[in-house]
Amino acid sequence: ELGSGSGCNLAHLATLGARCTGVDIAPSRQAAAEQRWGRSPELEFITQ
């Protein structure tokens, strides 16, 4: 996902078995996403 924000869309796709990567330019978005959804091989958030 390009512009993944707080990760809600990818978190849903991860529950369906997808391996998800989210990229967002705002550092606080990655922090918010990881705080809410965690971080795992199936769900990764990147600030870039």
PDB file of all heavy atoms in Angstrom:
ATOM      1  N   GLU A   1       0.846  -1.190   0.000  1.00  0.00           N
ATOM      2  CA  GLU A   1       0.000   0.000   0.000  1.00  0.00           C
ATOM      3  C   GLU A   1       0.883   1.240   0.000  1.00  0.00           C
ATOM      4  O   GLU A   1       1.764   1.388   0.848  1.00  0.00           O
ATOM      5  CB  GLU A   1      -0.941   0.034   1.203  1.00  0.00           C
ATOM      6  CG  GLU A   1      -1.873   1.250   1.153  1.00  0.00           C
ATOM      7  CD  GLU A   1      -2.954   1.265   2.212  1.00  0.00           C
ATOM      8  OE1 GLU A   1      -2.860   0.474   3.175  1.00  0.00           O
ATOM      9  OE2 GLU A   1      -3.886   2.075   2.068  1.00  0.00           O
ATOM     10  N   LEU A   2       0.625   2.146  -0.933  1.00  0.00           N
ATOM     11  CA  LEU A   2       1.364   3.393  -1.049  1.00  0.00           C
ATOM     12  C   LEU A   2       0.570   4.497  -0.367  1.00  0.00           C
ATOM     13  O   LEU A   2      -0.499   4.892  -0.830  1.00  0.00           O
ATOM     14  CB  LEU A   2       1.587   3.727  -2.529  1.00  0.00           C
ATOM     15  CG  LEU A   2       2.314   2.650  -3.344  1.00  0.00           C
ATOM     16  CD1 LEU A   2       2.427   3.073  -4.806  1.00  0.00           C
ATOM     17  CD2 LEU A   2       3.698   2.361  -2.763  1.00  0.00           C
ATOM     18  N   GLY A   3       1.110   4.983   0.741  1.00  0.00           N
ATOM     19  CA  GLY A   3       0.371   5.922   1.574  1.00  0.00           C
ATOM     20  C   GLY A   3      -0.524   5.145   2.520  1.00  0.00           C
ATOM     21  O   GLY A   3      -1.746   5.253   2.482  1.00  0.00           O
ATOM     22  N   SER A   4       0.088   4.345   3.386  1.00  0.00           N
ATOM     23  CA  SER A   4      -0.665   3.371   4.185  1.00  0.00           C
ATOM     24  C   SER A   4      -1.273   3.949   5.451  1.00  0.00           C
ATOM     25  O   SER A   4      -2.040   3.271   6.133  1.00  0.00           O
ATOM     26  CB  SER A   4       0.236   2.187   4.557  1.00  0.00           C
ATOM     27  OG  SER A   4       1.446   2.632   5.130  1.00  0.00           O
ATOM     28  N   GLY A   5      -0.938   5.208   5.793  1.00  0.00           N
ATOM     29  CA  GLY A   5      -1.568   5.829   6.943  1.00  0.00           C
ATOM     30  C   GLY A   5      -1.399   5.019   8.213  1.00  0.00           C
ATOM     31  O   GLY A   5      -0.314   4.554   8.531  1.00  0.00           O
ATOM     32  N   SER A   6      -2.485   4.822   8.930  1.00  0.00           N
ATOM     33  CA  SER A   6      -2.437   4.085  10.191  1.00  0.00           C
ATOM     34  C   SER A   6      -2.574   2.580  10.013  1.00  0.00           C
ATOM     35  O   SER A   6      -2.748   1.854  10.989  1.00  0.00           O
ATOM     36  CB  SER A   6      -3.511   4.595  11.148  1.00  0.00           C
ATOM     37  OG  SER A   6      -4.796   4.478  10.566  1.00  0.00           O
ATOM     38  N   GLY A   7      -2.502   2.112   8.765  1.00  0.00           N
ATOM     39  CA  GLY A   7      -2.395   0.679   8.511  1.00  0.00           C
ATOM     40  C   GLY A   7      -3.681  -0.115   8.540  1.00  0.00           C
ATOM     41  O   GLY A   7      -3.641  -1.344   8.447  1.00  0.00           O
ATOM     42  N   CYS A   8      -4.823   0.553   8.624  1.00  0.00           N
ATOM     43  CA  CYS A   8      -6.079  -0.186   8.803  1.00  0.00           C
ATOM     44  C   CYS A   8      -6.442  -1.055   7.604  1.00  0.00           C
ATOM     45  O   CYS A   8      -6.938  -2.175   7.777  1.00  0.00           O
ATOM     46  CB  CYS A   8      -7.207   0.791   9.106  1.00  0.00           C
ATOM     47  SG  CYS A   8      -6.983   1.714  10.638  1.00  0.00           S
ATOM     48  N   ASN A   9      -6.219  -0.555   6.401  1.00  0.00           N
ATOM     49  CA  ASN A   9      -6.564  -1.348   5.219  1.00  0.00           C
ATOM     50  C   ASN A   9      -5.693  -2.597   5.120  1.00  0.00           C
ATOM     51  O   ASN A   9      -6.187  -3.700   4.859  1.00  0.00           O
ATOM     52  CB  ASN A   9      -6.397  -0.503   3.957  1.00  0.00           C
ATOM     53  CG  ASN A   9      -7.329   0.687   3.947  1.00  0.00           C
ATOM     54  OD1 ASN A   9      -8.518   0.557   4.194  1.00  0.00           O
ATOM     55  ND2 ASN A   9      -6.780   1.860   3.668  1.00  0.00           N
ATOM     56  N   LEU A  10      -4.393  -2.432   5.351  1.00  0.00           N
ATOM     57  CA  LEU A  10      -3.496  -3.580   5.270  1.00  0.00           C
ATOM     58  C   LEU A  10      -3.741  -4.569   6.396  1.00  0.00           C
ATOM     59  O   LEU A  10      -3.626  -5.789   6.191  1.00  0.00           O
ATOM     60  CB  LEU A  10      -2.042  -3.111   5.311  1.00  0.00           C
ATOM     61  CG  LEU A  10      -1.505  -2.450   4.052  1.00  0.00           C
ATOM     62  CD1 LEU A  10      -0.028  -2.147   4.224  1.00  0.00           C
ATOM     63  CD2 LEU A  10      -1.728  -3.316   2.816  1.00  0.00           C
ATOM     64  N   ALA A  11      -4.074  -4.072   7.590  1.00  0.00           N
ATOM     65  CA  ALA A  11      -4.363  -4.976   8.701  1.00  0.00           C
ATOM     66  C   ALA A  11      -5.519  -5.895   8.342  1.00  0.00           C
ATOM     67  O   ALA A  11      -5.518  -7.091   8.682  1.00  0.00           O
ATOM     68  CB  ALA A  11      -4.680  -4.179   9.958  1.00  0.00           C
ATOM     69  N   HIS A  12      -6.494  -5.353   7.628  1.00  0.00           N
ATOM     70  CA  HIS A  12      -7.621  -6.193   7.201  1.00  0.00           C
ATOM     71  C   HIS A  12      -7.176  -7.233   6.185  1.00  0.00           C
ATOM     72  O   HIS A  12      -7.529  -8.412   6.304  1.00  0.00           O
ATOM     73  CB  HIS A  12      -8.719  -5.317   6.607  1.00  0.00           C
ATOM     74  CG  HIS A  12      -9.893  -6.085   6.120  1.00  0.00           C
ATOM     75  ND1 HIS A  12     -10.709  -6.815   6.959  1.00  0.00           N
ATOM     76  CD2 HIS A  12     -10.383  -6.286   4.867  1.00  0.00           C
ATOM     77  CE1 HIS A  12     -11.663  -7.411   6.260  1.00  0.00           C
ATOM     78  NE2 HIS A  12     -11.475  -7.117   4.980  1.00  0.00           N
ATOM     79  N   LEU A  13      -6.390  -6.818   5.200  1.00  0.00           N
ATOM     80  CA  LEU A  13      -5.931  -7.775   4.189  1.00  0.00           C
ATOM     81  C   LEU A  13      -5.046  -8.856   4.807  1.00  0.00           C
ATOM     82  O   LEU A  13      -5.062 -10.008   4.361  1.00  0.00           O
ATOM     83  CB  LEU A  13      -5.191  -7.040   3.074  1.00  0.00           C
ATOM     84  CG  LEU A  13      -6.033  -6.059   2.250  1.00  0.00           C
ATOM     85  CD1 LEU A  13      -5.173  -5.396   1.177  1.00  0.00           C
ATOM     86  CD2 LEU A  13      -7.235  -6.755   1.612  1.00  0.00           C
ATOM     87  N   ALA A  14      -4.295  -8.491   5.835  1.00  0.00           N
ATOM     88  CA  ALA A  14      -3.459  -9.483   6.523  1.00  0.00           C
ATOM     89  C   ALA A  14      -4.319 -10.553   7.191  1.00  0.00           C
ATOM     90  O   ALA A  14      -3.934 -11.726   7.243  1.00  0.00           O
ATOM     91  CB  ALA A  14      -2.572  -8.805   7.550  1.00  0.00           C
ATOM     92  N   THR A  15      -5.502 -10.176   7.703  1.00  0.00           N
ATOM     93  CA  THR A  15      -6.391 -11.178   8.312  1.00  0.00           C
ATOM     94  C   THR A  15      -6.917 -12.158   7.272  1.00  0.00           C
ATOM     95  O   THR A  15      -7.357 -13.250   7.620  1.00  0.00           O
ATOM     96  CB  THR A  15      -7.581 -10.518   9.026  1.00  0.00           C
ATOM     97  OG1 THR A  15      -8.465  -9.919   8.063  1.00  0.00           O
ATOM     98  CG2 THR A  15      -7.124  -9.484  10.040  1.00  0.00           C
ATOM     99  N   LEU A  16      -6.850 -11.761   5.993  1.00  0.00           N
ATOM    100  CA  LEU A  16      -7.327 -12.626   4.909  1.00  0.00           C
ATOM    101  C   LEU A  16      -6.201 -13.448   4.302  1.00  0.00           C
ATOM    102  O   LEU A  16      -6.410 -14.151   3.311  1.00  0.00           O
ATOM    103  CB  LEU A  16      -7.989 -11.769   3.822  1.00  0.00           C
ATOM    104  CG  LEU A  16      -9.164 -10.896   4.288  1.00  0.00           C
ATOM    105  CD1 LEU A  16      -9.697 -10.066   3.131  1.00  0.00           C
ATOM    106  CD2 LEU A  16     -10.275 -11.747   4.892  1.00  0.00           C
ATOM    107  N   GLY A  17      -5.001 -13.360   4.887  1.00  0.00           N
ATOM    108  CA  GLY A  17      -3.889 -14.196   4.442  1.00  0.00           C
ATOM    109  C   GLY A  17      -2.889 -13.531   3.549  1.00  0.00           C
ATOM    110  O   GLY A  17      -1.969 -14.196   3.053  1.00  0.00           O
ATOM    111  N   ALA A  18      -3.026 -12.219   3.317  1.00  0.00           N
ATOM    112  CA  ALA A  18      -2.053 -11.511   2.487  1.00  0.00           C
ATOM    113  C   ALA A  18      -0.803 -11.182   3.295  1.00  0.00           C
ATOM    114  O   ALA A  18      -0.844 -11.062   4.517  1.00  0.00           O
ATOM    115  CB  ALA A  18      -2.667 -10.232   1.931  1.00  0.00           C
ATOM    116  N   ARG A  19       0.315 -11.035   2.606  1.00  0.00           N
ATOM    117  CA  ARG A  19       1.564 -10.566   3.219  1.00  0.00           C
ATOM    118  C   ARG A  19       1.729  -9.101   2.835  1.00  0.00           C
ATOM    119  O   ARG A  19       1.921  -8.792   1.664  1.00  0.00           O
ATOM    120  CB  ARG A  19       2.737 -11.409   2.726  1.00  0.00           C
ATOM    121  CG  ARG A  19       2.693 -12.859   3.208  1.00  0.00           C
ATOM    122  CD  ARG A  19       3.800 -13.670   2.586  1.00  0.00           C
ATOM    123  NE  ARG A  19       3.587 -13.850   1.154  1.00  0.00           N
ATOM    124  CZ  ARG A  19       4.543 -14.067   0.259  1.00  0.00           C
ATOM    125  NH1 ARG A  19       5.813 -14.090   0.643  1.00  0.00           N
ATOM    126  NH2 ARG A  19       4.257 -14.246  -1.011  1.00  0.00           N
ATOM    127  N   CYS A  20       1.628  -8.225   3.810  1.00  0.00           N
ATOM    128  CA  CYS A  20       1.392  -6.811   3.541  1.00  0.00           C
ATOM    129  C   CYS A  20       2.552  -5.916   3.943  1.00  0.00           C
ATOM    130  O   CYS A  20       3.137  -6.083   5.017  1.00  0.00           O
ATOM    131  CB  CYS A  20       0.132  -6.353   4.284  1.00  0.00           C
ATOM    132  SG  CYS A  20      -1.363  -7.266   3.821  1.00  0.00           S
ATOM    133  N   THR A  21       2.829  -4.940   3.083  1.00  0.00           N
ATOM    134  CA  THR A  21       3.807  -3.893   3.355  1.00  0.00           C
ATOM    135  C   THR A  21       3.151  -2.550   3.110  1.00  0.00           C
ATOM    136  O   THR A  21       2.527  -2.337   2.063  1.00  0.00           O
ATOM    137  CB  THR A  21       5.041  -4.027   2.451  1.00  0.00           C
ATOM    138  OG1 THR A  21       5.653  -5.301   2.655  1.00  0.00           O
ATOM    139  CG2 THR A  21       6.050  -2.919   2.730  1.00  0.00           C
ATOM    140  N   GLY A  22       3.289  -1.643   4.079  1.00  0.00           N
ATOM    141  CA  GLY A  22       2.751  -0.305   3.927  1.00  0.00           C
ATOM    142  C   GLY A  22       3.855   0.720   3.968  1.00  0.00           C
ATOM    143  O   GLY A  22       4.751   0.646   4.800  1.00  0.00           O
ATOM    144  N   VAL A  23       3.806   1.694   3.060  1.00  0.00           N
ATOM    145  CA  VAL A  23       4.807   2.754   3.001  1.00  0.00           C
ATOM    146  C   VAL A  23       4.105   4.095   3.150  1.00  0.00           C
ATOM    147  O   VAL A  23       3.110   4.370   2.465  1.00  0.00           O
ATOM    148  CB  VAL A  23       5.584   2.726   1.665  1.00  0.00           C
ATOM    149  CG1 VAL A  23       6.626   3.836   1.624  1.00  0.00           C
ATOM    150  CG2 VAL A  23       6.240   1.372   1.460  1.00  0.00           C
ATOM    151  N   ASP A  24       4.604   4.917   4.061  1.00  0.00           N
ATOM    152  CA  ASP A  24       4.046   6.248   4.263  1.00  0.00           C
ATOM    153  C   ASP A  24       5.180   7.206   4.592  1.00  0.00           C
ATOM    154  O   ASP A  24       6.136   6.837   5.286  1.00  0.00           O
ATOM    155  CB  ASP A  24       3.023   6.237   5.397  1.00  0.00           C
ATOM    156  CG  ASP A  24       2.060   7.414   5.303  1.00  0.00           C
ATOM    157  OD1 ASP A  24       2.474   8.553   5.598  1.00  0.00           O
ATOM    158  OD2 ASP A  24       0.893   7.198   4.916  1.00  0.00           O
ATOM    159  N   ILE A  25       5.078   8.436   4.122  1.00  0.00           N
ATOM    160  CA  ILE A  25       6.155   9.402   4.297  1.00  0.00           C
ATOM    161  C   ILE A  25       6.175  10.022   5.690  1.00  0.00           C
ATOM    162  O   ILE A  25       7.205  10.532   6.138  1.00  0.00           O
ATOM    163  CB  ILE A  25       6.042  10.502   3.209  1.00  0.00           C
ATOM    164  CG1 ILE A  25       7.353  11.283   3.089  1.00  0.00           C
ATOM    165  CG2 ILE A  25       4.860  11.418   3.482  1.00  0.00           C
ATOM    166  CD1 ILE A  25       7.378  12.244   1.905  1.00  0.00           C
ATOM    167  N   ALA A  26       5.053   9.972   6.413  1.00  0.00           N
ATOM    168  CA  ALA A  26       4.966  10.609   7.728  1.00  0.00           C
ATOM    169  C   ALA A  26       5.370   9.634   8.828  1.00  0.00           C
ATOM    170  O   ALA A  26       4.734   8.594   8.994  1.00  0.00           O
ATOM    171  CB  ALA A  26       3.544  11.107   7.979  1.00  0.00           C
ATOM    172  N   PRO A  27       6.414   9.924   9.600  1.00  0.00           N
ATOM    173  CA  PRO A  27       6.886   8.998  10.632  1.00  0.00           C
ATOM    174  C   PRO A  27       5.816   8.604  11.647  1.00  0.00           C
ATOM    175  O   PRO A  27       5.780   7.461  12.104  1.00  0.00           O
ATOM    176  CB  PRO A  27       8.032   9.756  11.299  1.00  0.00           C
ATOM    177  CG  PRO A  27       8.513  10.700  10.262  1.00  0.00           C
ATOM    178  CD  PRO A  27       7.295  11.107   9.494  1.00  0.00           C
ATOM    179  N   SER A  28       4.945   9.536  12.005  1.00  0.00           N
ATOM    180  CA  SER A  28       3.937   9.217  13.014  1.00  0.00           C
ATOM    181  C   SER A  28       2.950   8.173  12.519  1.00  0.00           C
ATOM    182  O   SER A  28       2.307   7.486  13.315  1.00  0.00           O
ATOM    183  CB  SER A  28       3.190  10.477  13.449  1.00  0.00           C
ATOM    184  OG  SER A  28       2.442  11.015  12.378  1.00  0.00           O
ATOM    185  N   ARG A  29       2.807   8.037  11.204  1.00  0.00           N
ATOM    186  CA  ARG A  29       1.881   7.030  10.669  1.00  0.00           C
ATOM    187  C   ARG A  29       2.388   5.622  10.940  1.00  0.00           C
ATOM    188  O   ARG A  29       1.627   4.725  11.287  1.00  0.00           O
ATOM    189  CB  ARG A  29       1.673   7.259   9.167  1.00  0.00           C
ATOM    190  CG  ARG A  29       0.985   8.536   8.825  1.00  0.00           C
ATOM    191  CD  ARG A  29      -0.304   8.724   9.578  1.00  0.00           C
ATOM    192  NE  ARG A  29      -1.408   8.977   8.679  1.00  0.00           N
ATOM    193  CZ  ARG A  29      -2.665   9.122   9.061  1.00  0.00           C
ATOM    194  NH1 ARG A  29      -2.970   9.029  10.335  1.00  0.00           N
ATOM    195  NH2 ARG A  29      -3.618   9.355   8.192  1.00  0.00           N
ATOM    196  N   GLN A  30       3.684   5.415  10.744  1.00  0.00           N
ATOM    197  CA  GLN A  30       4.241   4.101  11.047  1.00  0.00           C
ATOM    198  C   GLN A  30       4.082   3.788  12.525  1.00  0.00           C
ATOM    199  O   GLN A  30       3.687   2.675  12.896  1.00  0.00           O
ATOM    200  CB  GLN A  30       5.715   4.028  10.666  1.00  0.00           C
ATOM    201  CG  GLN A  30       6.347   2.676  10.999  1.00  0.00           C
ATOM    202  CD  GLN A  30       7.814   2.589  10.607  1.00  0.00           C
ATOM    203  OE1 GLN A  30       8.337   3.456   9.914  1.00  0.00           O
ATOM    204  NE2 GLN A  30       8.489   1.550  11.051  1.00  0.00           N
ATOM    205  N   ALA A  31       4.370   4.756  13.377  1.00  0.00           N
ATOM    206  CA  ALA A  31       4.246   4.538  14.819  1.00  0.00           C
ATOM    207  C   ALA A  31       2.805   4.208  15.198  1.00  0.00           C
ATOM    208  O   ALA A  31       2.552   3.294  15.998  1.00  0.00           O
ATOM    209  CB  ALA A  31       4.721   5.777  15.573  1.00  0.00           C
ATOM    210  N   ALA A  32       1.854   4.931  14.620  1.00  0.00           N
ATOM    211  CA  ALA A  32       0.443   4.678  14.928  1.00  0.00           C
ATOM    212  C   ALA A  32       0.013   3.303  14.433  1.00  0.00           C
ATOM    213  O   ALA A  32      -0.730   2.579  15.120  1.00  0.00           O
ATOM    214  CB  ALA A  32      -0.425   5.764  14.304  1.00  0.00           C
ATOM    215  N   ALA A  33       0.482   2.935  13.238  1.00  0.00           N
ATOM    216  CA  ALA A  33       0.118   1.633  12.677  1.00  0.00           C
ATOM    217  C   ALA A  33       0.671   0.493  13.516  1.00  0.00           C
ATOM    218  O   ALA A  33      -0.031  -0.487  13.814  1.00  0.00           O
ATOM    219  CB  ALA A  33       0.615   1.527  11.240  1.00  0.00           C
ATOM    220  N   GLU A  34       1.920   0.609  13.907  1.00  0.00           N
ATOM    221  CA  GLU A  34       2.530  -0.470  14.700  1.00  0.00           C
ATOM    222  C   GLU A  34       1.936  -0.544  16.099  1.00  0.00           C
ATOM    223  O   GLU A  34       1.802  -1.628  16.668  1.00  0.00           O
ATOM    224  CB  GLU A  34       4.041  -0.261  14.759  1.00  0.00           C
ATOM    225  CG  GLU A  34       4.708  -0.479  13.408  1.00  0.00           C
ATOM    226  CD  GLU A  34       6.202  -0.289  13.460  1.00  0.00           C
ATOM    227  OE1 GLU A  34       6.707   0.223  14.485  1.00  0.00           O
ATOM    228  OE2 GLU A  34       6.876  -0.653  12.472  1.00  0.00           O
ATOM    229  N   GLN A  35       1.558   0.597  16.643  1.00  0.00           N
ATOM    230  CA  GLN A  35       0.935   0.584  17.968  1.00  0.00           C
ATOM    231  C   GLN A  35      -0.416  -0.115  17.921  1.00  0.00           C
ATOM    232  O   GLN A  35      -0.779  -0.862  18.842  1.00  0.00           O
ATOM    233  CB  GLN A  35       0.762   2.011  18.491  1.00  0.00           C
ATOM    234  CG  GLN A  35       0.132   2.084  19.884  1.00  0.00           C
ATOM    235  CD  GLN A  35       0.013   3.502  20.393  1.00  0.00           C
ATOM    236  OE1 GLN A  35       0.047   4.459  19.630  1.00  0.00           O
ATOM    237  NE2 GLN A  35      -0.120   3.643  21.688  1.00  0.00           N
ATOM    238  N   ARG A  36      -1.158   0.102  16.836  1.00  0.00           N
ATOM    239  CA  ARG A  36      -2.500  -0.477  16.755  1.00  0.00           C
ATOM    240  C   ARG A  36      -2.491  -1.916  16.260  1.00  0.00           C
ATOM    241  O   ARG A  36      -3.242  -2.755  16.755  1.00  0.00           O
ATOM    242  CB  ARG A  36      -3.381   0.368  15.831  1.00  0.00           C
ATOM    243  CG  ARG A  36      -4.828  -0.115  15.741  1.00  0.00           C
ATOM    244  CD  ARG A  36      -5.719   0.918  15.138  1.00  0.00           C
ATOM    245  NE  ARG A  36      -7.118   0.466  15.103  1.00  0.00           N
ATOM    246  CZ  ARG A  36      -8.136   1.202  14.700  1.00  0.00           C
ATOM    247  NH1 ARG A  36      -7.922   2.455  14.310  1.00  0.00           N
ATOM    248  NH2 ARG A  36      -9.364   0.721  14.682  1.00  0.00           N
ATOM    249  N   TRP A  37      -1.621  -2.215  15.297  1.00  0.00           N
ATOM    250  CA  TRP A  37      -1.681  -3.516  14.630  1.00  0.00           C
ATOM    251  C   TRP A  37      -0.465  -4.393  14.874  1.00  0.00           C
ATOM    252  O   TRP A  37      -0.471  -5.561  14.493  1.00  0.00           O
ATOM    253  CB  TRP A  37      -1.860  -3.308  13.121  1.00  0.00           C
ATOM    254  CG  TRP A  37      -3.036  -2.460  12.773  1.00  0.00           C
ATOM    255  CD1 TRP A  37      -3.006  -1.210  12.234  1.00  0.00           C
ATOM    256  CD2 TRP A  37      -4.416  -2.768  12.960  1.00  0.00           C
ATOM    257  NE1 TRP A  37      -4.276  -0.723  12.053  1.00  0.00           N
ATOM    258  CE2 TRP A  37      -5.165  -1.658  12.499  1.00  0.00           C
ATOM    259  CE3 TRP A  37      -5.102  -3.887  13.467  1.00  0.00           C
ATOM    260  CZ2 TRP A  37      -6.557  -1.634  12.532  1.00  0.00           C
ATOM    261  CZ3 TRP A  37      -6.486  -3.849  13.505  1.00  0.00           C
ATOM    262  CH2 TRP A  37      -7.200  -2.739  13.043  1.00  0.00           C
ATOM    263  N   GLY A  38       0.582  -3.843  15.469  1.00  0.00           N
ATOM    264  CA  GLY A  38       1.782  -4.628  15.684  1.00  0.00           C
ATOM    265  C   GLY A  38       2.627  -4.704  14.428  1.00  0.00           C
ATOM    266  O   GLY A  38       2.369  -4.045  13.421  1.00  0.00           O
ATOM    267  N   ARG A  39       3.645  -5.538  14.485  1.00  0.00           N
ATOM    268  CA  ARG A  39       4.565  -5.725  13.361  1.00  0.00           C
ATOM    269  C   ARG A  39       4.903  -7.203  13.282  1.00  0.00           C
ATOM    270  O   ARG A  39       5.234  -7.831  14.280  1.00  0.00           O
ATOM    271  CB  ARG A  39       5.828  -4.892  13.569  1.00  0.00           C
ATOM    272  CG  ARG A  39       6.768  -4.848  12.375  1.00  0.00           C
ATOM    273  CD  ARG A  39       7.997  -4.026  12.716  1.00  0.00           C
ATOM    274  NE  ARG A  39       8.913  -3.946  11.574  1.00  0.00           N
ATOM    275  CZ  ARG A  39       8.964  -2.936  10.737  1.00  0.00           C
ATOM    276  NH1 ARG A  39       8.170  -1.899  10.914  1.00  0.00           N
ATOM    277  NH2 ARG A  39       9.824  -2.928   9.730  1.00  0.00           N
ATOM    278  N   SER A  40       4.813  -7.768  12.096  1.00  0.00           N
ATOM    279  CA  SER A  40       5.060  -9.189  11.914  1.00  0.00           C
ATOM    280  C   SER A  40       5.531  -9.419  10.484  1.00  0.00           C
ATOM    281  O   SER A  40       5.489  -8.498   9.657  1.00  0.00           O
ATOM    282  CB  SER A  40       3.774  -9.986  12.171  1.00  0.00           C
ATOM    283  OG  SER A  40       2.827  -9.746  11.133  1.00  0.00           O
ATOM    284  N   PRO A  41       5.965 -10.640  10.152  1.00  0.00           N
ATOM    285  CA  PRO A  41       6.347 -10.915   8.761  1.00  0.00           C
ATOM    286  C   PRO A  41       5.195 -10.704   7.777  1.00  0.00           C
ATOM    287  O   PRO A  41       5.429 -10.468   6.597  1.00  0.00           O
ATOM    288  CB  PRO A  41       6.779 -12.386   8.804  1.00  0.00           C
ATOM    289  CG  PRO A  41       7.212 -12.611  10.217  1.00  0.00           C
ATOM    290  CD  PRO A  41       6.293 -11.775  11.044  1.00  0.00           C
ATOM    291  N   GLU A  42       3.957 -10.783   8.270  1.00  0.00           N
ATOM    292  CA  GLU A  42       2.793 -10.616   7.400  1.00  0.00           C
ATOM    293  C   GLU A  42       2.308  -9.177   7.337  1.00  0.00           C
ATOM    294  O   GLU A  42       1.450  -8.844   6.521  1.00  0.00           O
ATOM    295  CB  GLU A  42       1.629 -11.498   7.882  1.00  0.00           C
ATOM    296  CG  GLU A  42       1.845 -12.989   7.709  1.00  0.00           C
ATOM    297  CD  GLU A  42       2.833 -13.542   8.732  1.00  0.00           C
ATOM    298  OE1 GLU A  42       2.816 -13.049   9.882  1.00  0.00           O
ATOM    299  OE2 GLU A  42       3.623 -14.433   8.369  1.00  0.00           O
ATOM    300  N   LEU A  43       2.847  -8.311   8.213  1.00  0.00           N
ATOM    301  CA  LEU A  43       2.352  -6.941   8.270  1.00  0.00           C
ATOM    302  C   LEU A  43       3.501  -6.019   8.677  1.00  0.00           C
ATOM    303  O   LEU A  43       3.900  -5.964   9.836  1.00  0.00           O
ATOM    304  CB  LEU A  43       1.207  -6.840   9.275  1.00  0.00           C
ATOM    305  CG  LEU A  43       0.448  -5.511   9.347  1.00  0.00           C
ATOM    306  CD1 LEU A  43      -0.157  -5.150   7.993  1.00  0.00           C
ATOM    307  CD2 LEU A  43      -0.642  -5.585  10.414  1.00  0.00           C
ATOM    308  N   GLU A  44       4.027  -5.283   7.699  1.00  0.00           N
ATOM    309  CA  GLU A  44       5.202  -4.438   7.908  1.00  0.00           C
ATOM    310  C   GLU A  44       4.893  -3.015   7.472  1.00  0.00           C
ATOM    311  O   GLU A  44       4.266  -2.789   6.435  1.00  0.00           O
ATOM    312  CB  GLU A  44       6.384  -4.970   7.094  1.00  0.00           C
ATOM    313  CG  GLU A  44       7.636  -4.127   7.186  1.00  0.00           C
ATOM    314  CD  GLU A  44       8.730  -4.616   6.264  1.00  0.00           C
ATOM    315  OE1 GLU A  44       8.416  -5.252   5.233  1.00  0.00           O
ATOM    316  OE2 GLU A  44       9.907  -4.347   6.560  1.00  0.00           O
ATOM    317  N   PHE A  45       5.351  -2.043   8.269  1.00  0.00           N
ATOM    318  CA  PHE A  45       5.154  -0.632   7.943  1.00  0.00           C
ATOM    319  C   PHE A  45       6.511   0.061   7.836  1.00  0.00           C
ATOM    320  O   PHE A  45       7.395  -0.171   8.661  1.00  0.00           O
ATOM    321  CB  PHE A  45       4.286   0.045   9.009  1.00  0.00           C
ATOM    322  CG  PHE A  45       2.925  -0.577   9.139  1.00  0.00           C
ATOM    323  CD1 PHE A  45       2.619  -1.396  10.225  1.00  0.00           C
ATOM    324  CD2 PHE A  45       1.952  -0.362   8.176  1.00  0.00           C
ATOM    325  CE1 PHE A  45       1.374  -1.987  10.342  1.00  0.00           C
ATOM    326  CE2 PHE A  45       0.698  -0.956   8.287  1.00  0.00           C
ATOM    327  CZ  PHE A  45       0.410  -1.769   9.370  1.00  0.00           C
ATOM    328  N   ILE A  46       6.642   0.911   6.816  1.00  0.00           N
ATOM    329  CA  ILE A  46       7.918   1.572   6.515  1.00  0.00           C
ATOM    330  C   ILE A  46       7.680   3.065   6.344  1.00  0.00           C
ATOM    331  O   ILE A  46       6.706   3.480   5.697  1.00  0.00           O
ATOM    332  CB  ILE A  46       8.530   0.987   5.226  1.00  0.00           C
ATOM    333  CG1 ILE A  46       8.855  -0.502   5.406  1.00  0.00           C
ATOM    334  CG2 ILE A  46       9.768   1.771   4.796  1.00  0.00           C
ATOM    335  CD1 ILE A  46       9.215  -1.215   4.117  1.00  0.00           C
ATOM    336  N   THR A  47       8.572   3.879   6.910  1.00  0.00           N
ATOM    337  CA  THR A  47       8.527   5.329   6.707  1.00  0.00           C
ATOM    338  C   THR A  47       9.501   5.687   5.593  1.00  0.00           C
ATOM    339  O   THR A  47      10.720   5.563   5.761  1.00  0.00           O
ATOM    340  CB  THR A  47       8.909   6.081   7.994  1.00  0.00           C
ATOM    341  OG1 THR A  47       7.984   5.738   9.031  1.00  0.00           O
ATOM    342  CG2 THR A  47       8.861   7.586   7.768  1.00  0.00           C
ATOM    343  N   GLN A  48       8.955   6.097   4.469  1.00  0.00           N
ATOM    344  CA  GLN A  48       9.807   6.462   3.328  1.00  0.00           C
ATOM    345  C   GLN A  48       8.933   7.102   2.250  1.00  0.00           C
ATOM    346  O   GLN A  48       7.734   6.814   2.143  1.00  0.00           O
ATOM    347  CB  GLN A  48      10.509   5.220   2.757  1.00  0.00           C
ATOM    348  CG  GLN A  48      11.648   5.540   1.813  1.00  0.00           C
ATOM    349  CD  GLN A  48      12.435   4.276   1.422  1.00  0.00           C
ATOM    350  OE1 GLN A  48      12.011   3.159   1.667  1.00  0.00           O
ATOM    351  NE2 GLN A  48      13.594   4.477   0.815  1.00  0.00           N
TER     352      GLN A  48
END
